[in-house]
Amino acid sequence: MDIFRRLAAEAPEPRGFREDKPTLIMSWWCTIYAITTILLRIAGRYIRTEHIYIEDRVMLLAIVPLLIRIAVVHPILLYGTNNTVITELLPASIRQREIGSQLVLASRVMYAAYLWMVKYSTSVFLFSHIRKTSPRHVHRLEHLLLSLTFLATFISALAPCQPFTHYWQVVPDPGPQCRQGYVFLFVMGTLNIITNLAFVVLPLRVVFMSSLSKIQKFSITVRLALPLASVALTLYQIPAVIQHQGLQPFRTLIASIDILLATVVANAPVLVSLIQDRGAKKSKFKWRPSLASDNEGALRKAEAGWKTKWQDGNGKSKGRPDGKSAAGGQEIDRGMALEMDDMRPLCGGREFSRVDVNVGVGTPENVRLGDIRVATTWEVTQAGRVANV
């Protein structure tokens, strides 16, 4: 605590609400744009996949602390806090500053909760794409890191000032450790940098060990390095807040910008994949012949351009009859699936004994997954007969 006492300075001069209006407008602007970015992500992925993944649900839930924060920011800037020079305040003004100081605690907790929920969503999203090559314990380590760092941040927001009621005491001066909140500033800033660096370093190991081309590795590295922008802002935030004597409107402004930046960084990879028409995609074609036997044949599941699975009538997995793997053995977890029953059409009241079907969807050379399209017409050849289905 001695280091924070040495950094403590005199309280800043009182400010009127007119001076803080630009900060309030900027805070609302950042919040609206952050929510819009999240809703675009959720809507885009749902339209594309007709499914909301766990990382999308966490990101959607993160809107709650974001709205709570902006709801308390307004009265904080309107009433002021106890971090100011106290000169002949009226009882009504003292009461308003007490309310503002109480709301500052809620604002800090919601600020941290939003950032850590965004981090968790990013962690789940990254792991869903690299879990084939990344050990599960690495993902668990990330979650443990997020849990411990958030707990430390929460404690730093509420524990340094004792007794607790001094957090919103206006007269007499409760001391800089209660009204300036430097402990929270340093602890949250440091842990924010550590977690952002972890999200950059851990996935890069998998990228560099992969067989991707240099151009692909560079493109992925640039997207994974986006959290470094939040690191740079945090490195600016800590000394700047100290230079402004812990002025609350300035802290609110920087925190609002940090929220918008963190939102853009976390959602950029998802939005880029939607724009490029890559990633998970819903099944557009699903054909089950009405004349197919329910008791015989195999349910074939061909994930377009990637992996072919066979299942017999009892639902057990089987390999391809020719012993080959689809798409060169490549796999994707959330591909576009095409399911069809074993086609045994009837003609003239007689059932064909054998039907040759081109099973699976192959991957043409030098064609990306986003460029592959599946036709709705299937050509079935049997004993010299050709039938278009």
Protein backbone atom coordinates (compact mmCIF):
# COMPACT_ATOMS: atom_id res chain seq x y z
CA MET A 1 0.00 0.00 0.00
CA ASP A 2 2.96 2.36 0.50
CA ILE A 3 3.53 2.66 -3.23
CA PHE A 4 -0.07 3.81 -3.72
CA ARG A 5 0.28 6.37 -0.91
CA ARG A 6 3.36 7.80 -2.63
CA LEU A 7 1.44 8.05 -5.90
CA ALA A 8 -1.51 9.71 -4.19
CA ALA A 9 -1.97 13.37 -4.96
CA GLU A 10 -4.33 16.13 -4.06
CA ALA A 11 -7.90 15.75 -5.19
CA PRO A 12 -8.81 17.42 -8.49
CA GLU A 13 -10.83 20.61 -8.64
CA PRO A 14 -14.64 20.35 -8.77
CA ARG A 15 -16.20 20.13 -12.24
CA GLY A 16 -19.68 20.98 -13.43
CA PHE A 17 -21.91 18.61 -15.39
CA ARG A 18 -21.58 20.84 -18.47
CA GLU A 19 -17.84 20.03 -18.59
CA ASP A 20 -18.54 16.31 -18.36
CA LYS A 21 -21.25 16.15 -21.04
CA PRO A 22 -18.78 15.22 -23.85
CA THR A 23 -17.58 12.31 -21.73
CA LEU A 24 -21.16 11.15 -21.19
CA ILE A 25 -21.94 11.36 -24.91
CA MET A 26 -18.75 9.46 -25.77
CA SER A 27 -19.60 6.77 -23.21
CA TRP A 28 -23.06 6.28 -24.68
CA TRP A 29 -21.62 6.22 -28.19
CA CYS A 30 -19.07 3.53 -27.28
CA THR A 31 -21.73 1.45 -25.52
CA ILE A 32 -24.16 1.61 -28.44
CA TYR A 33 -21.49 0.66 -30.95
CA ALA A 34 -20.30 -2.20 -28.75
CA ILE A 35 -23.84 -3.59 -28.44
CA THR A 36 -24.39 -3.18 -32.19
CA THR A 37 -21.20 -5.12 -32.91
CA ILE A 38 -22.30 -7.96 -30.64
CA LEU A 39 -25.78 -8.12 -32.16
CA LEU A 40 -24.31 -8.19 -35.69
CA ARG A 41 -22.14 -11.13 -34.67
CA ILE A 42 -25.04 -13.04 -33.12
CA ALA A 43 -27.40 -12.35 -36.02
CA GLY A 44 -24.79 -13.24 -38.65
CA ARG A 45 -23.85 -16.56 -37.07
CA TYR A 46 -27.45 -17.52 -36.40
CA ILE A 47 -28.52 -16.76 -39.97
CA ARG A 48 -25.56 -18.75 -41.25
CA THR A 49 -25.80 -21.77 -38.94
CA GLU A 50 -29.26 -21.54 -37.31
CA HIS A 51 -27.49 -22.24 -34.04
CA ILE A 52 -26.15 -20.11 -31.20
CA TYR A 53 -22.89 -21.48 -29.83
CA ILE A 54 -21.79 -21.11 -26.23
CA GLU A 55 -19.33 -18.31 -27.06
CA ASP A 56 -22.18 -16.38 -28.71
CA ARG A 57 -24.36 -16.85 -25.65
CA VAL A 58 -21.63 -15.55 -23.36
CA MET A 59 -21.10 -12.55 -25.62
CA LEU A 60 -24.83 -11.87 -25.65
CA LEU A 61 -24.99 -12.17 -21.87
CA ALA A 62 -22.12 -9.66 -21.59
CA ILE A 63 -24.53 -6.95 -22.73
CA VAL A 64 -26.13 -7.05 -19.26
CA PRO A 65 -23.12 -5.66 -17.30
CA LEU A 66 -22.49 -3.27 -20.17
CA LEU A 67 -25.97 -1.77 -19.82
CA ILE A 68 -25.72 -1.66 -16.03
CA ARG A 69 -22.43 0.22 -16.30
CA ILE A 70 -23.75 2.91 -18.65
CA ALA A 71 -26.86 3.24 -16.46
CA VAL A 72 -24.72 4.15 -13.44
CA VAL A 73 -22.21 6.25 -15.41
CA HIS A 74 -24.88 8.86 -16.11
CA PRO A 75 -25.58 9.76 -12.44
CA ILE A 76 -21.84 9.46 -11.62
CA LEU A 77 -21.04 12.23 -14.08
CA LEU A 78 -24.15 14.18 -13.07
CA TYR A 79 -23.61 14.07 -9.28
CA GLY A 80 -19.82 13.83 -9.07
CA THR A 81 -17.83 11.77 -6.54
CA ASN A 82 -15.85 12.30 -3.34
CA ASN A 83 -12.60 12.51 -5.34
CA THR A 84 -12.63 16.28 -5.50
CA VAL A 85 -11.66 19.29 -3.43
CA ILE A 86 -14.40 19.83 -0.87
CA THR A 87 -15.24 23.52 -0.40
CA GLU A 88 -18.44 24.63 1.32
CA LEU A 89 -20.74 22.00 -0.14
CA LEU A 90 -24.44 22.09 0.66
CA PRO A 91 -25.95 19.01 2.33
CA ALA A 92 -27.81 18.17 -0.89
CA SER A 93 -24.56 18.31 -2.89
CA ILE A 94 -22.77 16.13 -0.33
CA ARG A 95 -25.57 13.56 -0.59
CA GLN A 96 -25.33 13.54 -4.38
CA ARG A 97 -21.58 12.94 -4.24
CA GLU A 98 -22.11 10.09 -1.81
CA ILE A 99 -24.50 8.46 -4.28
CA GLY A 100 -22.04 9.05 -7.12
CA SER A 101 -19.21 7.46 -5.11
CA GLN A 102 -21.34 4.40 -4.34
CA LEU A 103 -22.20 3.99 -8.01
CA VAL A 104 -18.51 4.17 -8.92
CA LEU A 105 -18.00 0.81 -7.19
CA ALA A 106 -20.80 -0.75 -9.24
CA SER A 107 -19.36 0.79 -12.38
CA ARG A 108 -15.91 -0.71 -11.75
CA VAL A 109 -17.29 -4.17 -11.06
CA MET A 110 -19.47 -4.12 -14.20
CA TYR A 111 -16.53 -2.83 -16.24
CA ALA A 112 -14.37 -5.75 -15.13
CA ALA A 113 -17.22 -8.27 -15.52
CA TYR A 114 -17.82 -7.21 -19.12
CA LEU A 115 -14.15 -7.40 -20.12
CA TRP A 116 -13.70 -10.84 -18.55
CA MET A 117 -16.87 -12.21 -20.15
CA VAL A 118 -15.57 -11.04 -23.52
CA LYS A 119 -12.26 -12.75 -22.78
CA TYR A 120 -14.04 -16.00 -21.89
CA SER A 121 -16.06 -15.87 -25.11
CA THR A 122 -12.86 -15.35 -27.09
CA SER A 123 -11.22 -18.27 -25.30
CA VAL A 124 -14.07 -20.65 -26.17
CA PHE A 125 -14.14 -19.46 -29.79
CA LEU A 126 -10.40 -19.98 -30.26
CA PHE A 127 -10.42 -23.41 -28.64
CA SER A 128 -13.30 -24.58 -30.83
CA HIS A 129 -11.05 -24.01 -33.85
CA ILE A 130 -7.77 -25.39 -32.54
CA ARG A 131 -8.91 -28.18 -30.23
CA LYS A 132 -7.72 -30.84 -32.70
CA THR A 133 -4.14 -29.64 -32.28
CA SER A 134 -4.19 -27.97 -28.87
CA PRO A 135 -4.16 -30.04 -25.66
CA ARG A 136 -7.28 -29.75 -23.53
CA HIS A 137 -5.25 -28.78 -20.47
CA VAL A 138 -4.21 -25.57 -22.25
CA HIS A 139 -7.85 -24.57 -22.56
CA ARG A 140 -8.46 -25.41 -18.91
CA LEU A 141 -5.44 -23.36 -17.95
CA GLU A 142 -6.90 -20.37 -19.79
CA HIS A 143 -10.19 -20.72 -17.92
CA LEU A 144 -8.37 -21.02 -14.61
CA LEU A 145 -6.35 -17.92 -15.44
CA LEU A 146 -9.52 -15.97 -16.26
CA SER A 147 -11.22 -17.09 -13.05
CA LEU A 148 -8.33 -16.18 -10.78
CA THR A 149 -7.64 -12.84 -12.46
CA PHE A 150 -11.29 -11.81 -12.31
CA LEU A 151 -11.45 -12.73 -8.63
CA ALA A 152 -8.35 -10.65 -7.95
CA THR A 153 -9.82 -7.72 -9.89
CA PHE A 154 -13.10 -7.95 -7.97
CA ILE A 155 -11.27 -7.96 -4.63
CA SER A 156 -9.10 -4.99 -5.67
CA ALA A 157 -12.24 -2.98 -6.39
CA LEU A 158 -13.80 -3.50 -2.95
CA ALA A 159 -11.11 -4.44 -0.41
CA PRO A 160 -8.43 -1.68 -0.24
CA CYS A 161 -10.54 0.89 1.63
CA GLN A 162 -11.39 0.11 5.25
CA PRO A 163 -13.84 0.71 6.72
CA PHE A 164 -15.91 0.02 3.63
CA THR A 165 -18.21 3.00 4.12
CA HIS A 166 -15.28 5.36 3.52
CA TYR A 167 -15.59 4.57 -0.19
CA TRP A 168 -18.46 7.07 -0.40
CA GLN A 169 -17.58 9.34 2.52
CA VAL A 170 -17.33 12.97 1.41
CA VAL A 171 -16.78 14.91 4.64
CA PRO A 172 -14.27 14.56 6.16
CA ASP A 173 -11.82 13.49 3.45
CA PRO A 174 -11.57 9.65 3.61
CA GLY A 175 -8.04 9.67 2.18
CA PRO A 176 -6.64 8.96 -1.31
CA GLN A 177 -6.72 5.17 -0.89
CA CYS A 178 -10.53 5.36 -0.71
CA ARG A 179 -11.40 8.09 -3.18
CA GLN A 180 -8.80 7.59 -5.96
CA GLY A 181 -8.98 3.81 -6.42
CA TYR A 182 -5.37 3.36 -7.56
CA VAL A 183 -5.24 -0.23 -6.28
CA PHE A 184 -8.03 -1.22 -8.66
CA LEU A 185 -6.37 0.72 -11.47
CA PHE A 186 -3.03 -1.10 -11.11
CA VAL A 187 -4.40 -4.57 -10.39
CA MET A 188 -6.96 -4.59 -13.18
CA GLY A 189 -4.57 -2.99 -15.65
CA THR A 190 -1.83 -5.53 -14.94
CA LEU A 191 -4.15 -8.55 -15.11
CA ASN A 192 -5.82 -7.20 -18.23
CA ILE A 193 -2.42 -7.08 -19.94
CA ILE A 194 -1.51 -10.59 -18.77
CA THR A 195 -4.73 -12.19 -20.01
CA ASN A 196 -4.57 -10.40 -23.37
CA LEU A 197 -0.99 -11.54 -23.91
CA ALA A 198 -2.02 -15.11 -23.03
CA PHE A 199 -4.65 -15.06 -25.79
CA VAL A 200 -1.96 -14.00 -28.25
CA VAL A 201 0.85 -16.37 -27.25
CA LEU A 202 -1.00 -19.65 -26.64
CA PRO A 203 -2.82 -19.92 -30.03
CA LEU A 204 0.27 -18.77 -31.97
CA ARG A 205 2.15 -21.89 -30.91
CA VAL A 206 -0.47 -24.00 -32.66
CA VAL A 207 -0.40 -21.80 -35.77
CA PHE A 208 3.37 -21.96 -36.17
CA MET A 209 3.38 -25.75 -35.73
CA SER A 210 0.71 -26.23 -38.40
CA SER A 211 1.28 -26.99 -42.08
CA LEU A 212 -0.35 -23.78 -43.28
CA SER A 213 1.35 -21.60 -45.85
CA LYS A 214 3.33 -18.57 -44.79
CA ILE A 215 0.63 -16.22 -46.07
CA GLN A 216 -2.06 -18.03 -44.08
CA LYS A 217 0.10 -18.03 -40.96
CA PHE A 218 0.70 -14.30 -41.34
CA SER A 219 -3.02 -13.60 -41.79
CA ILE A 220 -3.96 -15.62 -38.70
CA THR A 221 -1.15 -14.07 -36.67
CA VAL A 222 -2.40 -10.56 -37.48
CA ARG A 223 -5.91 -11.44 -36.28
CA LEU A 224 -4.63 -13.15 -33.15
CA ALA A 225 -2.46 -10.11 -32.39
CA LEU A 226 -5.46 -7.76 -32.19
CA PRO A 227 -5.58 -7.93 -28.35
CA LEU A 228 -2.25 -6.10 -28.37
CA ALA A 229 -4.26 -2.96 -29.13
CA SER A 230 -6.00 -3.34 -25.75
CA VAL A 231 -2.60 -3.87 -24.13
CA ALA A 232 -1.35 -0.60 -25.62
CA LEU A 233 -4.44 1.28 -24.38
CA THR A 234 -4.00 -0.14 -20.87
CA LEU A 235 -0.34 0.90 -20.82
CA TYR A 236 -1.49 4.43 -21.65
CA GLN A 237 -4.42 4.35 -19.23
CA ILE A 238 -2.50 3.75 -16.00
CA PRO A 239 -0.04 6.70 -16.13
CA ALA A 240 -2.65 8.98 -17.72
CA VAL A 241 -5.14 8.44 -14.89
CA ILE A 242 -2.42 9.15 -12.31
CA GLN A 243 -1.45 12.30 -14.19
CA HIS A 244 -5.10 13.46 -14.04
CA GLN A 245 -5.19 12.78 -10.27
CA GLY A 246 -7.71 9.97 -10.66
CA LEU A 247 -10.29 12.32 -12.19
CA GLN A 248 -13.44 10.22 -12.57
CA PRO A 249 -14.70 11.67 -15.89
CA PHE A 250 -11.32 10.90 -17.47
CA ARG A 251 -11.35 7.34 -16.09
CA THR A 252 -14.88 6.87 -17.42
CA LEU A 253 -13.82 8.08 -20.86
CA ILE A 254 -10.81 5.73 -21.09
CA ALA A 255 -12.86 2.79 -19.77
CA SER A 256 -15.55 3.40 -22.41
CA ILE A 257 -12.95 3.42 -25.18
CA ASP A 258 -11.42 0.25 -23.74
CA ILE A 259 -14.83 -1.45 -23.79
CA LEU A 260 -15.40 -0.58 -27.45
CA LEU A 261 -11.88 -1.66 -28.40
CA ALA A 262 -12.20 -4.98 -26.54
CA THR A 263 -15.54 -5.62 -28.24
CA VAL A 264 -14.13 -4.99 -31.71
CA VAL A 265 -11.06 -7.13 -31.02
CA ALA A 266 -13.14 -10.05 -29.74
CA ASN A 267 -15.69 -9.98 -32.55
CA ALA A 268 -13.43 -9.09 -35.49
CA PRO A 269 -12.37 -12.71 -36.28
CA VAL A 270 -16.01 -13.85 -36.29
CA LEU A 271 -17.24 -10.93 -38.41
CA VAL A 272 -14.39 -11.37 -40.89
CA SER A 273 -15.22 -15.06 -41.30
CA LEU A 274 -18.86 -14.13 -41.97
CA ILE A 275 -17.86 -11.54 -44.56
CA GLN A 276 -15.55 -14.04 -46.28
CA ASP A 277 -18.26 -16.73 -46.16
CA ARG A 278 -16.08 -19.12 -44.20
CA GLY A 279 -16.56 -21.21 -41.10
CA ALA A 280 -19.58 -23.10 -39.83
CA LYS A 281 -22.57 -23.23 -42.13
CA LYS A 282 -26.03 -24.75 -41.93
CA SER A 283 -27.12 -27.67 -44.11
CA LYS A 284 -28.91 -26.26 -47.11
CA PHE A 285 -29.85 -29.57 -48.72
CA LYS A 286 -31.44 -32.49 -46.92
CA TRP A 287 -32.99 -35.20 -49.05
CA ARG A 288 -34.69 -38.34 -47.82
CA PRO A 289 -36.48 -40.37 -50.54
CA SER A 290 -39.98 -41.30 -49.50
CA LEU A 291 -39.57 -44.74 -51.07
CA ALA A 292 -36.34 -45.58 -49.26
CA SER A 293 -36.43 -48.47 -46.83
CA ASP A 294 -36.27 -47.45 -43.18
CA ASN A 295 -34.97 -50.78 -42.03
CA GLU A 296 -32.28 -51.40 -44.62
CA GLY A 297 -29.36 -49.50 -45.98
CA ALA A 298 -26.97 -47.07 -44.41
CA LEU A 299 -27.34 -43.48 -43.30
CA ARG A 300 -24.56 -41.67 -45.01
CA LYS A 301 -23.36 -38.38 -43.69
CA ALA A 302 -21.09 -36.48 -46.05
CA GLU A 303 -19.76 -33.22 -44.65
CA ALA A 304 -19.20 -31.16 -47.74
CA GLY A 305 -15.59 -31.14 -48.81
CA TRP A 306 -14.24 -32.53 -45.57
CA LYS A 307 -15.13 -35.78 -43.75
CA THR A 308 -17.40 -38.67 -44.66
CA LYS A 309 -18.97 -40.80 -41.93
CA TRP A 310 -20.90 -44.02 -42.46
CA GLN A 311 -23.48 -45.39 -40.11
CA ASP A 312 -25.30 -48.67 -40.46
CA GLY A 313 -28.95 -49.24 -39.66
CA ASN A 314 -28.16 -49.48 -35.94
CA GLY A 315 -26.37 -46.13 -35.87
CA LYS A 316 -22.86 -47.62 -35.56
CA SER A 317 -19.99 -45.95 -37.37
CA LYS A 318 -18.40 -47.75 -40.31
CA GLY A 319 -15.56 -46.94 -42.63
CA ARG A 320 -15.89 -46.35 -46.35
CA PRO A 321 -16.11 -49.56 -48.37
CA ASP A 322 -13.20 -48.53 -50.58
CA GLY A 323 -11.02 -47.82 -47.56
CA LYS A 324 -10.43 -44.22 -48.61
CA SER A 325 -11.06 -41.10 -46.57
CA ALA A 326 -13.03 -38.16 -47.79
CA ALA A 327 -11.24 -34.90 -48.57
CA GLY A 328 -7.85 -36.35 -47.87
CA GLY A 329 -8.60 -37.16 -44.27
CA GLN A 330 -9.20 -33.53 -43.29
CA GLU A 331 -11.79 -32.87 -40.64
CA ILE A 332 -13.86 -29.96 -39.51
CA ASP A 333 -16.09 -29.95 -36.45
CA ARG A 334 -18.83 -27.69 -37.66
CA GLY A 335 -19.17 -28.43 -41.36
CA MET A 336 -22.13 -28.29 -43.67
CA ALA A 337 -23.68 -31.75 -43.44
CA LEU A 338 -25.67 -33.52 -46.15
CA GLU A 339 -27.64 -36.54 -45.01
CA MET A 340 -29.34 -39.07 -47.25
CA ASP A 341 -30.78 -42.53 -46.85
CA ASP A 342 -29.48 -45.38 -48.96
CA MET A 343 -31.29 -44.85 -52.24
CA ARG A 344 -33.24 -47.90 -53.34
CA PRO A 345 -35.87 -46.56 -55.79
CA LEU A 346 -38.71 -48.70 -57.03
CA CYS A 347 -39.49 -49.03 -60.69
CA GLY A 348 -42.46 -50.92 -62.05
CA GLY A 349 -43.16 -52.53 -58.69
CA ARG A 350 -39.72 -54.20 -58.65
CA GLU A 351 -36.93 -53.22 -56.26
CA PHE A 352 -33.47 -52.92 -57.69
CA SER A 353 -30.98 -55.15 -55.97
CA ARG A 354 -28.05 -52.80 -56.32
CA VAL A 355 -27.69 -49.07 -56.72
CA ASP A 356 -24.36 -47.38 -57.39
CA VAL A 357 -24.18 -43.95 -55.85
CA ASN A 358 -21.30 -41.50 -55.90
CA VAL A 359 -20.90 -41.33 -52.12
CA GLY A 360 -19.54 -38.26 -50.42
CA VAL A 361 -18.57 -34.88 -51.77
CA GLY A 362 -15.00 -34.65 -52.88
CA THR A 363 -12.74 -31.62 -52.55
CA PRO A 364 -11.54 -30.27 -55.91
CA GLU A 365 -7.92 -29.21 -55.91
CA ASN A 366 -7.13 -25.56 -55.16
CA VAL A 367 -10.71 -24.87 -54.09
CA ARG A 368 -11.57 -23.35 -50.74
CA LEU A 369 -14.42 -24.65 -48.61
CA GLY A 370 -16.37 -21.45 -49.15
CA ASP A 371 -16.27 -22.00 -52.95
CA ILE A 372 -17.82 -25.48 -52.88
CA ARG A 373 -21.50 -25.72 -53.74
CA VAL A 374 -23.64 -28.86 -53.54
CA ALA A 375 -26.16 -29.48 -56.32
CA THR A 376 -29.70 -30.59 -55.64
CA THR A 377 -29.73 -33.08 -58.53
CA TRP A 378 -28.25 -36.54 -58.00
CA GLU A 379 -27.68 -38.94 -60.89
CA VAL A 380 -28.25 -42.61 -60.05
CA THR A 381 -27.09 -45.30 -62.48
CA GLN A 382 -28.30 -48.91 -62.26
CA ALA A 383 -28.21 -51.61 -64.94
CA GLY A 384 -28.04 -49.11 -67.78
CA ARG A 385 -30.85 -46.98 -66.44
CA VAL A 386 -30.29 -43.34 -65.56
CA ALA A 387 -32.65 -41.63 -63.18
CA ASN A 388 -32.47 -37.97 -62.14
CA VAL A 389 -33.56 -37.54 -58.54
